[in-house]
């Protein structure tokens, strides 16, 4: 299957911004800029949109900026909203897991684990159609901020169970034995229950029943 979500340039192109890395989902991007420290603290540019726009070959129009706070042991997700996201964990330690929910993608169902937070000062760019999830690690709250390219309107969006083994087996499972989960997240369907009528799961080797 061809990937319909090709980037505008490849990492081998001389115009590719050196602070951007691709992942196993090619248009899910990791962005990391330099940190400048002195006796006052530090300074860091979290993102320059022109870098992402060079790679994506389009303009990014930010419409909303959100801030979520999560206590230790909280797991959120998997949710896929109809917009792009730029994510940055300001405080705490986060294990983010992103899953491709796009039924016409060559990486459908692929799960990618990325560590964020005070130890891993990275920014994530998520294209539309990514199932987004994360857990709060350690013993302090996580402050997780994200910019969107669309307005939240309260509409129902695709969501999948945080404990679906077809996904957790790909990234080794959540490192939390007694997680705090919302009522909604507890009751979402598995990936196969959600998309089984639309996608031939057998064509993706990472989608295993056990």
N, C-alpha and C. Protein backbone atom coordinates (compact mmCIF):
# COMPACT_ATOMS: atom_id res chain seq x y z
N UNK A 1 0.84 -1.19 0.00
CA UNK A 1 0.00 0.00 0.00
C UNK A 1 0.88 1.25 0.00
N UNK A 2 0.61 2.18 -0.90
CA UNK A 2 1.34 3.43 -0.93
C UNK A 2 0.90 4.31 0.24
N UNK A 3 1.84 5.10 0.74
CA UNK A 3 1.51 6.03 1.83
C UNK A 3 1.01 7.33 1.21
N UNK A 4 -0.27 7.68 1.43
CA UNK A 4 -0.81 8.91 0.84
C UNK A 4 -0.40 10.16 1.62
N UNK A 5 0.38 9.97 2.68
CA UNK A 5 0.73 11.10 3.54
C UNK A 5 2.22 11.41 3.47
N UNK A 6 2.76 11.42 2.26
CA UNK A 6 4.18 11.67 2.06
C UNK A 6 4.53 13.10 2.43
N UNK A 7 5.73 13.26 2.98
CA UNK A 7 6.23 14.59 3.31
C UNK A 7 6.68 15.31 2.05
N UNK A 8 6.79 16.64 2.15
CA UNK A 8 7.17 17.45 1.00
C UNK A 8 8.64 17.22 0.61
N UNK A 9 9.48 16.96 1.60
CA UNK A 9 10.89 16.67 1.35
C UNK A 9 11.30 15.49 2.22
N UNK A 10 12.46 14.90 1.91
CA UNK A 10 12.93 13.76 2.69
C UNK A 10 14.03 14.20 3.65
N UNK A 11 14.31 13.40 4.68
CA UNK A 11 15.39 13.76 5.61
C UNK A 11 16.76 13.89 4.94
N UNK A 12 16.92 13.32 3.76
CA UNK A 12 18.20 13.42 3.05
C UNK A 12 18.32 14.71 2.24
N UNK A 13 17.24 15.47 2.14
CA UNK A 13 17.25 16.72 1.39
C UNK A 13 18.04 17.79 2.15
N UNK A 14 18.78 18.60 1.45
CA UNK A 14 19.60 19.64 2.09
C UNK A 14 18.75 20.68 2.81
N UNK A 15 17.48 20.79 2.44
CA UNK A 15 16.59 21.77 3.06
C UNK A 15 15.93 21.23 4.33
N UNK A 16 16.15 19.96 4.64
CA UNK A 16 15.51 19.36 5.82
C UNK A 16 16.05 20.01 7.10
N UNK A 17 15.20 20.54 7.98
CA UNK A 17 15.66 21.15 9.23
C UNK A 17 16.29 20.11 10.14
N UNK A 18 17.49 20.37 10.61
CA UNK A 18 18.26 19.37 11.35
C UNK A 18 17.64 19.02 12.70
N UNK A 19 16.74 19.85 13.23
CA UNK A 19 16.15 19.59 14.53
C UNK A 19 14.91 18.71 14.46
N UNK A 20 14.54 18.25 13.27
CA UNK A 20 13.35 17.42 13.09
C UNK A 20 13.75 15.99 12.77
N UNK A 21 13.09 15.04 13.46
CA UNK A 21 13.31 13.62 13.20
C UNK A 21 11.98 12.97 12.81
N UNK A 22 12.05 11.99 11.92
CA UNK A 22 10.86 11.22 11.58
C UNK A 22 10.73 10.05 12.56
N UNK A 23 9.61 9.34 12.46
CA UNK A 23 9.35 8.18 13.30
C UNK A 23 8.87 7.03 12.40
N UNK A 24 8.43 5.94 13.04
CA UNK A 24 7.89 4.82 12.27
C UNK A 24 6.58 5.18 11.58
N UNK A 25 5.95 6.27 11.99
CA UNK A 25 4.84 6.87 11.24
C UNK A 25 5.45 8.11 10.59
N UNK A 26 5.78 8.08 9.30
CA UNK A 26 6.65 9.09 8.69
C UNK A 26 6.25 10.55 8.92
N UNK A 27 4.95 10.87 8.96
CA UNK A 27 4.57 12.27 9.15
C UNK A 27 4.25 12.61 10.60
N UNK A 28 4.53 11.69 11.53
CA UNK A 28 4.58 12.00 12.96
C UNK A 28 6.01 12.43 13.25
N UNK A 29 6.19 13.67 13.64
CA UNK A 29 7.53 14.26 13.70
C UNK A 29 7.94 14.61 15.13
N UNK A 30 9.22 14.38 15.43
CA UNK A 30 9.82 14.79 16.69
C UNK A 30 10.70 16.00 16.43
N UNK A 31 10.54 17.04 17.24
CA UNK A 31 11.20 18.32 17.01
C UNK A 31 11.94 18.71 18.28
N UNK A 32 13.22 18.97 18.17
CA UNK A 32 14.01 19.32 19.35
C UNK A 32 15.00 20.42 19.03
N UNK A 33 14.83 21.56 19.69
CA UNK A 33 15.75 22.68 19.51
C UNK A 33 16.70 22.78 20.70
N UNK A 34 17.74 23.56 20.52
CA UNK A 34 18.80 23.69 21.52
C UNK A 34 18.29 24.42 22.76
N UNK A 35 18.83 24.03 23.93
CA UNK A 35 18.53 24.71 25.19
C UNK A 35 19.74 25.56 25.58
N UNK A 36 19.48 26.80 25.95
CA UNK A 36 20.54 27.73 26.36
C UNK A 36 20.42 27.98 27.87
N UNK A 37 21.42 27.51 28.64
CA UNK A 37 21.38 27.62 30.10
C UNK A 37 22.38 28.67 30.58
N UNK A 38 22.01 29.33 31.67
CA UNK A 38 22.95 30.21 32.37
C UNK A 38 22.56 30.24 33.85
N UNK A 39 23.13 31.16 34.62
CA UNK A 39 22.88 31.18 36.06
C UNK A 39 21.45 31.61 36.43
N UNK A 40 20.68 32.04 35.47
CA UNK A 40 19.27 32.40 35.72
C UNK A 40 18.33 31.23 35.49
N UNK A 41 18.76 30.25 34.69
CA UNK A 41 17.89 29.15 34.31
C UNK A 41 18.19 28.72 32.89
N UNK A 42 17.18 28.71 32.02
CA UNK A 42 17.43 28.34 30.63
C UNK A 42 16.44 29.04 29.71
N UNK A 43 16.76 29.01 28.41
CA UNK A 43 15.87 29.50 27.36
C UNK A 43 15.82 28.46 26.26
N UNK A 44 14.61 28.23 25.73
CA UNK A 44 14.46 27.26 24.65
C UNK A 44 13.34 27.72 23.73
N UNK A 45 13.57 27.65 22.43
CA UNK A 45 12.49 27.84 21.46
C UNK A 45 11.79 26.50 21.29
N UNK A 46 10.53 26.43 21.64
CA UNK A 46 9.80 25.16 21.58
C UNK A 46 9.54 24.75 20.14
N UNK A 47 9.15 25.69 19.29
CA UNK A 47 8.89 25.36 17.90
C UNK A 47 8.94 26.63 17.06
N UNK A 48 9.46 26.50 15.85
CA UNK A 48 9.29 27.52 14.82
C UNK A 48 8.47 26.87 13.70
N UNK A 49 7.31 27.41 13.44
CA UNK A 49 6.40 26.77 12.49
C UNK A 49 7.02 26.63 11.10
N UNK A 50 7.90 27.54 10.73
CA UNK A 50 8.48 27.46 9.38
C UNK A 50 9.27 26.17 9.19
N UNK A 51 9.86 25.61 10.25
CA UNK A 51 10.58 24.34 10.12
C UNK A 51 9.61 23.22 9.74
N UNK A 52 8.51 23.13 10.49
CA UNK A 52 7.51 22.10 10.18
C UNK A 52 6.88 22.33 8.81
N UNK A 53 6.64 23.58 8.47
CA UNK A 53 6.02 23.89 7.18
C UNK A 53 6.92 23.49 6.02
N UNK A 54 8.24 23.61 6.20
CA UNK A 54 9.18 23.18 5.17
C UNK A 54 9.07 21.68 4.91
N UNK A 55 8.95 20.92 5.97
CA UNK A 55 8.87 19.46 5.86
C UNK A 55 7.51 19.02 5.32
N UNK A 56 6.46 19.68 5.79
CA UNK A 56 5.10 19.28 5.42
C UNK A 56 4.66 19.85 4.08
N UNK A 57 5.28 20.94 3.65
CA UNK A 57 4.91 21.56 2.38
C UNK A 57 3.58 22.28 2.44
N UNK A 58 3.23 22.83 3.60
CA UNK A 58 1.97 23.57 3.74
C UNK A 58 2.06 24.50 4.94
N UNK A 59 1.13 25.41 5.03
CA UNK A 59 1.04 26.32 6.16
C UNK A 59 0.35 25.64 7.33
N UNK A 60 0.76 25.98 8.53
CA UNK A 60 0.11 25.50 9.75
C UNK A 60 -0.58 26.68 10.40
N UNK A 61 -1.88 26.61 10.54
CA UNK A 61 -2.64 27.71 11.13
C UNK A 61 -3.12 27.30 12.52
N UNK A 62 -2.50 27.85 13.55
CA UNK A 62 -2.86 27.52 14.92
C UNK A 62 -4.11 28.31 15.33
N UNK A 63 -5.10 27.61 15.87
CA UNK A 63 -6.35 28.26 16.28
C UNK A 63 -6.60 28.18 17.78
N UNK A 64 -5.94 27.25 18.46
CA UNK A 64 -6.24 27.04 19.88
C UNK A 64 -5.01 26.50 20.59
N UNK A 65 -4.86 26.88 21.88
CA UNK A 65 -3.73 26.45 22.68
C UNK A 65 -4.27 25.92 24.00
N UNK A 66 -4.00 24.63 24.30
CA UNK A 66 -4.57 23.98 25.48
C UNK A 66 -3.50 23.56 26.48
N UNK A 67 -3.92 23.43 27.73
CA UNK A 67 -3.04 23.03 28.82
C UNK A 67 -3.78 21.99 29.66
N UNK A 68 -3.23 20.78 29.76
CA UNK A 68 -3.81 19.78 30.65
C UNK A 68 -2.83 19.48 31.78
N UNK A 69 -3.38 19.23 32.96
CA UNK A 69 -2.59 18.84 34.13
C UNK A 69 -2.99 17.43 34.51
N UNK A 70 -2.01 16.56 34.72
CA UNK A 70 -2.29 15.17 35.07
C UNK A 70 -1.48 14.78 36.30
N UNK A 71 -2.15 14.15 37.25
CA UNK A 71 -1.48 13.67 38.45
C UNK A 71 -0.67 12.42 38.14
N UNK A 72 0.27 12.05 38.99
CA UNK A 72 1.02 10.81 38.77
C UNK A 72 0.08 9.61 38.60
N UNK A 73 0.43 8.72 37.67
CA UNK A 73 -0.28 7.48 37.36
C UNK A 73 -1.49 7.69 36.46
N UNK A 74 -1.73 8.90 36.00
CA UNK A 74 -2.83 9.13 35.06
C UNK A 74 -2.45 8.64 33.67
N UNK A 75 -3.37 7.94 33.01
CA UNK A 75 -3.24 7.58 31.60
C UNK A 75 -4.42 8.19 30.86
N UNK A 76 -4.14 8.87 29.76
CA UNK A 76 -5.17 9.46 28.91
C UNK A 76 -5.07 8.88 27.50
N UNK A 77 -6.23 8.58 26.90
CA UNK A 77 -6.21 8.18 25.49
C UNK A 77 -6.78 6.78 25.29
N UNK A 78 -6.77 6.34 24.04
CA UNK A 78 -6.30 6.95 22.79
C UNK A 78 -7.42 7.75 22.15
N UNK A 79 -7.19 9.01 21.79
CA UNK A 79 -8.19 9.87 21.17
C UNK A 79 -7.61 10.45 19.88
N UNK A 80 -8.44 10.55 18.84
CA UNK A 80 -8.01 11.13 17.56
C UNK A 80 -8.97 12.24 17.17
N UNK A 81 -8.51 13.47 17.27
CA UNK A 81 -9.35 14.61 16.93
C UNK A 81 -9.08 15.07 15.48
N UNK A 82 -10.02 15.83 14.90
CA UNK A 82 -9.89 16.23 13.48
C UNK A 82 -9.01 17.47 13.28
N UNK A 83 -7.82 17.45 13.83
CA UNK A 83 -6.89 18.56 13.66
C UNK A 83 -5.47 18.08 13.88
N UNK A 84 -4.53 18.92 13.49
CA UNK A 84 -3.12 18.67 13.79
C UNK A 84 -2.82 19.18 15.19
N UNK A 85 -1.79 18.59 15.82
CA UNK A 85 -1.39 19.00 17.16
C UNK A 85 0.12 19.23 17.22
N UNK A 86 0.52 20.21 18.02
CA UNK A 86 1.92 20.40 18.39
C UNK A 86 1.97 20.30 19.91
N UNK A 87 2.70 19.32 20.43
CA UNK A 87 2.64 18.94 21.85
C UNK A 87 3.98 19.20 22.53
N UNK A 88 3.89 19.70 23.77
CA UNK A 88 5.10 19.94 24.56
C UNK A 88 4.76 19.75 26.03
N UNK A 89 5.50 18.90 26.73
CA UNK A 89 5.31 18.69 28.16
C UNK A 89 6.21 19.66 28.92
N UNK A 90 5.61 20.62 29.61
CA UNK A 90 6.36 21.67 30.29
C UNK A 90 6.96 21.16 31.60
N UNK A 91 6.18 20.38 32.35
CA UNK A 91 6.63 19.90 33.66
C UNK A 91 6.31 18.43 33.81
N UNK A 92 7.20 17.71 34.52
CA UNK A 92 6.97 16.30 34.76
C UNK A 92 7.56 15.41 33.68
N UNK A 93 7.24 14.13 33.78
CA UNK A 93 7.76 13.14 32.83
C UNK A 93 6.58 12.40 32.19
N UNK A 94 6.64 12.25 30.89
CA UNK A 94 5.52 11.71 30.12
C UNK A 94 6.00 10.58 29.21
N UNK A 95 5.23 9.50 29.17
CA UNK A 95 5.39 8.52 28.11
C UNK A 95 4.21 8.68 27.18
N UNK A 96 4.47 9.23 25.99
CA UNK A 96 3.42 9.42 25.00
C UNK A 96 3.43 8.24 24.04
N UNK A 97 2.24 7.79 23.65
CA UNK A 97 2.11 6.75 22.64
C UNK A 97 1.12 7.24 21.59
N UNK A 98 1.57 7.28 20.35
CA UNK A 98 0.77 7.77 19.24
C UNK A 98 0.47 6.60 18.30
N UNK A 99 -0.80 6.47 17.89
CA UNK A 99 -1.23 5.39 17.01
C UNK A 99 -1.87 5.98 15.76
N UNK A 100 -1.53 5.43 14.62
CA UNK A 100 -2.11 5.89 13.35
C UNK A 100 -3.50 5.28 13.19
N UNK A 101 -4.54 6.13 13.26
CA UNK A 101 -5.92 5.69 13.09
C UNK A 101 -6.43 5.90 11.67
N UNK A 102 -5.59 6.36 10.75
CA UNK A 102 -6.04 6.66 9.39
C UNK A 102 -6.19 5.36 8.61
N UNK A 103 -7.41 5.06 8.23
CA UNK A 103 -7.70 3.76 7.62
C UNK A 103 -7.07 3.59 6.24
N UNK A 104 -6.67 4.69 5.59
CA UNK A 104 -6.03 4.60 4.28
C UNK A 104 -4.52 4.78 4.35
N UNK A 105 -3.96 4.67 5.54
CA UNK A 105 -2.53 4.87 5.73
C UNK A 105 -1.77 3.55 5.69
N UNK A 106 -0.56 3.58 5.14
CA UNK A 106 0.29 2.39 5.09
C UNK A 106 0.82 2.02 6.47
N UNK A 107 0.67 2.91 7.44
CA UNK A 107 1.10 2.61 8.81
C UNK A 107 -0.09 2.54 9.77
N UNK A 108 -1.27 2.20 9.24
CA UNK A 108 -2.46 2.09 10.09
C UNK A 108 -2.18 1.15 11.28
N UNK A 109 -2.59 1.59 12.47
CA UNK A 109 -2.44 0.78 13.67
C UNK A 109 -1.06 0.76 14.27
N UNK A 110 -0.10 1.42 13.64
CA UNK A 110 1.26 1.46 14.16
C UNK A 110 1.30 2.33 15.41
N UNK A 111 1.93 1.82 16.47
CA UNK A 111 2.06 2.56 17.73
C UNK A 111 3.51 3.01 17.92
N UNK A 112 3.69 4.28 18.24
CA UNK A 112 5.03 4.84 18.44
C UNK A 112 5.11 5.44 19.85
N UNK A 113 6.08 4.99 20.62
CA UNK A 113 6.30 5.50 21.98
C UNK A 113 7.38 6.57 21.97
N UNK A 114 7.11 7.70 22.62
CA UNK A 114 8.07 8.81 22.68
C UNK A 114 8.04 9.39 24.09
N UNK A 115 9.22 9.54 24.69
CA UNK A 115 9.32 10.11 26.03
C UNK A 115 9.42 11.63 25.92
N UNK A 116 8.65 12.32 26.76
CA UNK A 116 8.62 13.78 26.78
C UNK A 116 8.79 14.28 28.21
N UNK A 117 9.07 15.58 28.35
CA UNK A 117 9.10 16.18 29.68
C UNK A 117 10.43 16.80 30.03
N UNK A 118 10.67 16.92 31.31
CA UNK A 118 11.85 17.63 31.79
C UNK A 118 13.15 16.92 31.44
N UNK A 119 13.10 15.59 31.33
CA UNK A 119 14.30 14.84 30.96
C UNK A 119 14.47 14.78 29.45
N UNK A 120 13.36 14.78 28.72
CA UNK A 120 13.39 14.67 27.26
C UNK A 120 12.67 15.88 26.66
N UNK A 121 13.39 16.95 26.46
CA UNK A 121 12.80 18.20 26.00
C UNK A 121 12.57 18.15 24.50
N UNK A 122 11.46 17.49 24.13
CA UNK A 122 11.11 17.35 22.73
C UNK A 122 9.71 17.91 22.50
N UNK A 123 9.46 18.26 21.26
CA UNK A 123 8.13 18.69 20.83
C UNK A 123 7.64 17.68 19.80
N UNK A 124 6.35 17.37 19.81
CA UNK A 124 5.78 16.45 18.83
C UNK A 124 4.85 17.19 17.88
N UNK A 125 4.93 16.83 16.61
CA UNK A 125 3.93 17.26 15.63
C UNK A 125 3.11 16.04 15.25
N UNK A 126 1.78 16.12 15.45
CA UNK A 126 0.87 15.05 15.08
C UNK A 126 0.00 15.49 13.92
N UNK A 127 0.01 14.76 12.81
CA UNK A 127 -0.94 15.06 11.73
C UNK A 127 -2.35 14.64 12.16
N UNK A 128 -3.33 15.03 11.38
CA UNK A 128 -4.71 14.61 11.65
C UNK A 128 -4.80 13.10 11.61
N UNK A 129 -5.67 12.56 12.46
CA UNK A 129 -5.92 11.12 12.42
C UNK A 129 -5.05 10.29 13.33
N UNK A 130 -4.25 10.93 14.19
CA UNK A 130 -3.43 10.18 15.13
C UNK A 130 -4.20 9.93 16.42
N UNK A 131 -4.17 8.70 16.91
CA UNK A 131 -4.70 8.39 18.23
C UNK A 131 -3.66 8.77 19.26
N UNK A 132 -3.99 9.74 20.10
CA UNK A 132 -3.03 10.34 21.02
C UNK A 132 -3.27 9.82 22.44
N UNK A 133 -2.20 9.37 23.11
CA UNK A 133 -2.32 8.89 24.48
C UNK A 133 -1.03 9.19 25.22
N UNK A 134 -1.13 9.32 26.55
CA UNK A 134 0.08 9.46 27.36
C UNK A 134 -0.20 9.08 28.80
N UNK A 135 0.89 8.77 29.52
CA UNK A 135 0.76 8.53 30.95
C UNK A 135 1.76 9.43 31.69
N UNK A 136 1.36 9.81 32.92
CA UNK A 136 2.19 10.66 33.77
C UNK A 136 3.08 9.76 34.63
N UNK A 137 4.39 9.87 34.42
CA UNK A 137 5.35 9.05 35.14
C UNK A 137 5.86 9.77 36.38
N UNK A 138 6.54 9.04 37.24
CA UNK A 138 7.18 9.67 38.39
C UNK A 138 6.21 10.04 39.49
N UNK A 139 6.62 10.99 40.31
CA UNK A 139 5.85 11.33 41.51
C UNK A 139 5.37 12.77 41.54
N UNK A 140 5.36 13.45 40.39
CA UNK A 140 4.81 14.80 40.38
C UNK A 140 3.92 15.00 39.17
N UNK A 141 3.09 16.05 39.26
CA UNK A 141 2.14 16.34 38.20
C UNK A 141 2.83 16.61 36.87
N UNK A 142 2.10 16.34 35.80
CA UNK A 142 2.55 16.66 34.45
C UNK A 142 1.73 17.82 33.92
N UNK A 143 2.40 18.84 33.40
CA UNK A 143 1.75 19.93 32.67
C UNK A 143 2.07 19.74 31.20
N UNK A 144 1.01 19.49 30.44
CA UNK A 144 1.10 19.05 29.05
C UNK A 144 0.35 20.07 28.20
N UNK A 145 1.07 20.72 27.29
CA UNK A 145 0.47 21.80 26.51
C UNK A 145 0.48 21.42 25.03
N UNK A 146 -0.58 21.83 24.34
CA UNK A 146 -0.66 21.49 22.92
C UNK A 146 -1.44 22.55 22.14
N UNK A 147 -0.92 22.85 20.97
CA UNK A 147 -1.56 23.78 20.04
C UNK A 147 -2.30 22.99 18.98
N UNK A 148 -3.44 23.53 18.53
CA UNK A 148 -4.30 22.85 17.58
C UNK A 148 -4.52 23.68 16.32
N UNK A 149 -4.84 23.00 15.24
CA UNK A 149 -5.19 23.70 13.99
C UNK A 149 -6.70 23.73 13.77
N UNK A 150 -7.48 23.41 14.81
CA UNK A 150 -8.94 23.48 14.71
C UNK A 150 -9.51 23.81 16.07
N UNK A 151 -10.74 24.28 16.09
CA UNK A 151 -11.40 24.62 17.34
C UNK A 151 -12.13 23.41 17.92
N UNK A 152 -12.06 23.26 19.24
CA UNK A 152 -12.80 22.19 19.90
C UNK A 152 -14.28 22.54 19.88
N UNK A 153 -15.11 21.61 19.37
CA UNK A 153 -16.54 21.87 19.23
C UNK A 153 -17.39 20.83 19.95
N UNK A 154 -16.75 19.96 20.73
CA UNK A 154 -17.50 19.01 21.52
C UNK A 154 -18.06 17.82 20.76
N UNK A 155 -17.62 17.63 19.51
CA UNK A 155 -18.14 16.53 18.71
C UNK A 155 -17.44 15.22 19.07
N UNK A 156 -18.15 14.10 18.89
CA UNK A 156 -17.57 12.79 19.14
C UNK A 156 -16.47 12.50 18.12
N UNK A 157 -15.33 12.02 18.60
CA UNK A 157 -14.19 11.71 17.73
C UNK A 157 -13.74 10.28 17.98
N UNK A 158 -13.01 9.67 17.04
CA UNK A 158 -12.58 8.28 17.22
C UNK A 158 -11.73 8.10 18.47
N UNK A 159 -11.98 7.01 19.19
CA UNK A 159 -11.21 6.69 20.39
C UNK A 159 -11.13 5.17 20.54
N UNK A 160 -10.03 4.71 21.12
CA UNK A 160 -9.77 3.28 21.26
C UNK A 160 -9.27 3.02 22.68
N UNK A 161 -9.49 1.81 23.16
CA UNK A 161 -9.11 1.43 24.51
C UNK A 161 -7.62 1.61 24.78
N UNK A 162 -7.30 2.18 25.94
CA UNK A 162 -5.92 2.40 26.35
C UNK A 162 -5.19 1.09 26.63
N UNK A 163 -5.93 -0.01 26.86
CA UNK A 163 -5.31 -1.29 27.20
C UNK A 163 -5.47 -2.35 26.12
N UNK A 164 -5.79 -1.95 24.92
CA UNK A 164 -5.92 -2.90 23.81
C UNK A 164 -4.57 -3.60 23.59
N UNK A 165 -4.48 -4.93 23.78
CA UNK A 165 -3.19 -5.61 23.63
C UNK A 165 -2.61 -5.51 22.23
N UNK A 166 -3.45 -5.29 21.22
CA UNK A 166 -2.95 -5.14 19.86
C UNK A 166 -2.05 -3.90 19.77
N UNK A 167 -2.28 -2.94 20.65
CA UNK A 167 -1.47 -1.72 20.71
C UNK A 167 -0.39 -1.82 21.78
N UNK A 168 -0.77 -2.20 23.00
CA UNK A 168 0.21 -2.22 24.10
C UNK A 168 1.36 -3.18 23.83
N UNK A 169 1.10 -4.27 23.11
CA UNK A 169 2.19 -5.20 22.80
C UNK A 169 3.25 -4.58 21.90
N UNK A 170 2.86 -3.55 21.16
CA UNK A 170 3.82 -2.89 20.27
C UNK A 170 4.83 -2.05 21.02
N UNK A 171 4.42 -1.48 22.16
CA UNK A 171 5.34 -0.58 22.86
C UNK A 171 5.73 -1.10 24.25
N UNK A 172 5.40 -2.33 24.56
CA UNK A 172 5.84 -2.92 25.82
C UNK A 172 4.92 -2.68 26.99
N UNK A 173 3.77 -2.08 26.75
CA UNK A 173 2.80 -1.85 27.82
C UNK A 173 3.07 -0.60 28.63
N UNK A 174 2.08 -0.22 29.41
CA UNK A 174 2.19 0.96 30.27
C UNK A 174 2.98 0.61 31.53
N UNK A 175 3.92 1.47 31.96
CA UNK A 175 4.76 1.16 33.12
C UNK A 175 4.09 1.55 34.44
N UNK A 176 2.78 1.37 34.53
CA UNK A 176 2.01 1.76 35.71
C UNK A 176 1.06 0.62 36.04
N UNK A 177 1.08 0.16 37.28
CA UNK A 177 0.26 -1.00 37.66
C UNK A 177 -1.12 -0.61 38.17
N UNK A 178 -1.28 0.60 38.66
CA UNK A 178 -2.57 1.03 39.21
C UNK A 178 -2.93 2.40 38.63
N UNK A 179 -3.22 2.46 37.31
CA UNK A 179 -3.42 3.77 36.67
C UNK A 179 -4.73 4.44 37.05
N UNK A 180 -4.75 5.74 36.90
CA UNK A 180 -5.96 6.54 37.07
C UNK A 180 -6.52 6.80 35.68
N UNK A 181 -7.74 6.32 35.42
CA UNK A 181 -8.35 6.37 34.09
C UNK A 181 -9.72 7.01 34.20
N UNK A 182 -10.09 7.82 33.22
CA UNK A 182 -11.43 8.41 33.21
C UNK A 182 -12.47 7.34 32.87
N UNK A 183 -13.72 7.61 33.22
CA UNK A 183 -14.79 6.69 32.89
C UNK A 183 -14.93 6.46 31.40
N UNK A 184 -14.80 7.52 30.62
CA UNK A 184 -14.89 7.39 29.16
C UNK A 184 -13.77 6.50 28.63
N UNK A 185 -12.54 6.75 29.08
CA UNK A 185 -11.41 5.98 28.58
C UNK A 185 -11.52 4.50 28.95
N UNK A 186 -12.18 4.19 30.04
CA UNK A 186 -12.34 2.80 30.46
C UNK A 186 -13.23 2.01 29.51
N UNK A 187 -14.09 2.70 28.77
CA UNK A 187 -15.13 2.01 28.00
C UNK A 187 -14.99 2.10 26.49
N UNK A 188 -13.87 2.61 25.99
CA UNK A 188 -13.71 2.69 24.54
C UNK A 188 -13.44 1.31 23.95
N UNK A 189 -13.81 1.09 22.68
CA UNK A 189 -13.61 -0.22 22.04
C UNK A 189 -12.15 -0.47 21.70
N UNK A 190 -11.83 -1.71 21.34
CA UNK A 190 -10.50 -2.03 20.85
C UNK A 190 -10.34 -1.48 19.44
N UNK A 191 -9.12 -1.51 18.95
CA UNK A 191 -8.84 -1.05 17.59
C UNK A 191 -9.64 -1.87 16.58
N UNK A 192 -9.68 -3.18 16.78
CA UNK A 192 -10.38 -4.04 15.83
C UNK A 192 -11.89 -3.84 15.91
N UNK A 193 -12.42 -3.63 17.10
CA UNK A 193 -13.85 -3.36 17.24
C UNK A 193 -14.22 -2.04 16.55
N UNK A 194 -13.31 -1.08 16.62
CA UNK A 194 -13.59 0.24 16.04
C UNK A 194 -13.43 0.25 14.52
N UNK A 195 -12.38 -0.39 14.02
CA UNK A 195 -12.04 -0.25 12.60
C UNK A 195 -12.07 -1.57 11.81
N UNK A 196 -12.46 -2.67 12.45
CA UNK A 196 -12.39 -3.98 11.80
C UNK A 196 -13.22 -4.10 10.54
N UNK A 197 -14.31 -3.34 10.45
CA UNK A 197 -15.15 -3.41 9.25
C UNK A 197 -14.60 -2.56 8.10
N UNK A 198 -13.60 -1.72 8.38
CA UNK A 198 -13.05 -0.81 7.37
C UNK A 198 -11.67 -1.23 6.88
N UNK A 199 -10.95 -2.01 7.67
CA UNK A 199 -9.54 -2.28 7.39
C UNK A 199 -9.28 -3.79 7.45
N UNK A 200 -8.47 -4.29 6.53
CA UNK A 200 -7.99 -5.66 6.56
C UNK A 200 -6.77 -5.71 7.47
N UNK A 201 -6.96 -6.12 8.70
CA UNK A 201 -5.89 -6.09 9.70
C UNK A 201 -4.74 -7.02 9.34
N UNK A 202 -4.99 -8.06 8.55
CA UNK A 202 -3.95 -9.04 8.25
C UNK A 202 -2.82 -8.47 7.39
N UNK A 203 -3.03 -7.32 6.75
CA UNK A 203 -1.97 -6.74 5.91
C UNK A 203 -0.95 -5.94 6.70
N UNK A 204 -1.18 -5.78 8.01
CA UNK A 204 -0.26 -5.01 8.82
C UNK A 204 0.39 -5.94 9.85
N UNK A 205 1.67 -6.28 9.68
CA UNK A 205 2.31 -7.29 10.53
C UNK A 205 2.39 -6.92 12.00
N UNK A 206 2.30 -5.64 12.34
CA UNK A 206 2.38 -5.23 13.75
C UNK A 206 1.03 -5.39 14.47
N UNK A 207 -0.05 -5.67 13.74
CA UNK A 207 -1.37 -5.84 14.36
C UNK A 207 -1.61 -7.32 14.64
N UNK A 208 -1.21 -7.75 15.81
CA UNK A 208 -1.32 -9.14 16.21
C UNK A 208 -2.34 -9.27 17.32
N UNK A 209 -3.08 -10.36 17.29
CA UNK A 209 -4.13 -10.59 18.28
C UNK A 209 -3.55 -10.83 19.67
N UNK A 210 -2.35 -11.42 19.73
CA UNK A 210 -1.76 -11.74 21.04
C UNK A 210 -0.41 -11.05 21.19
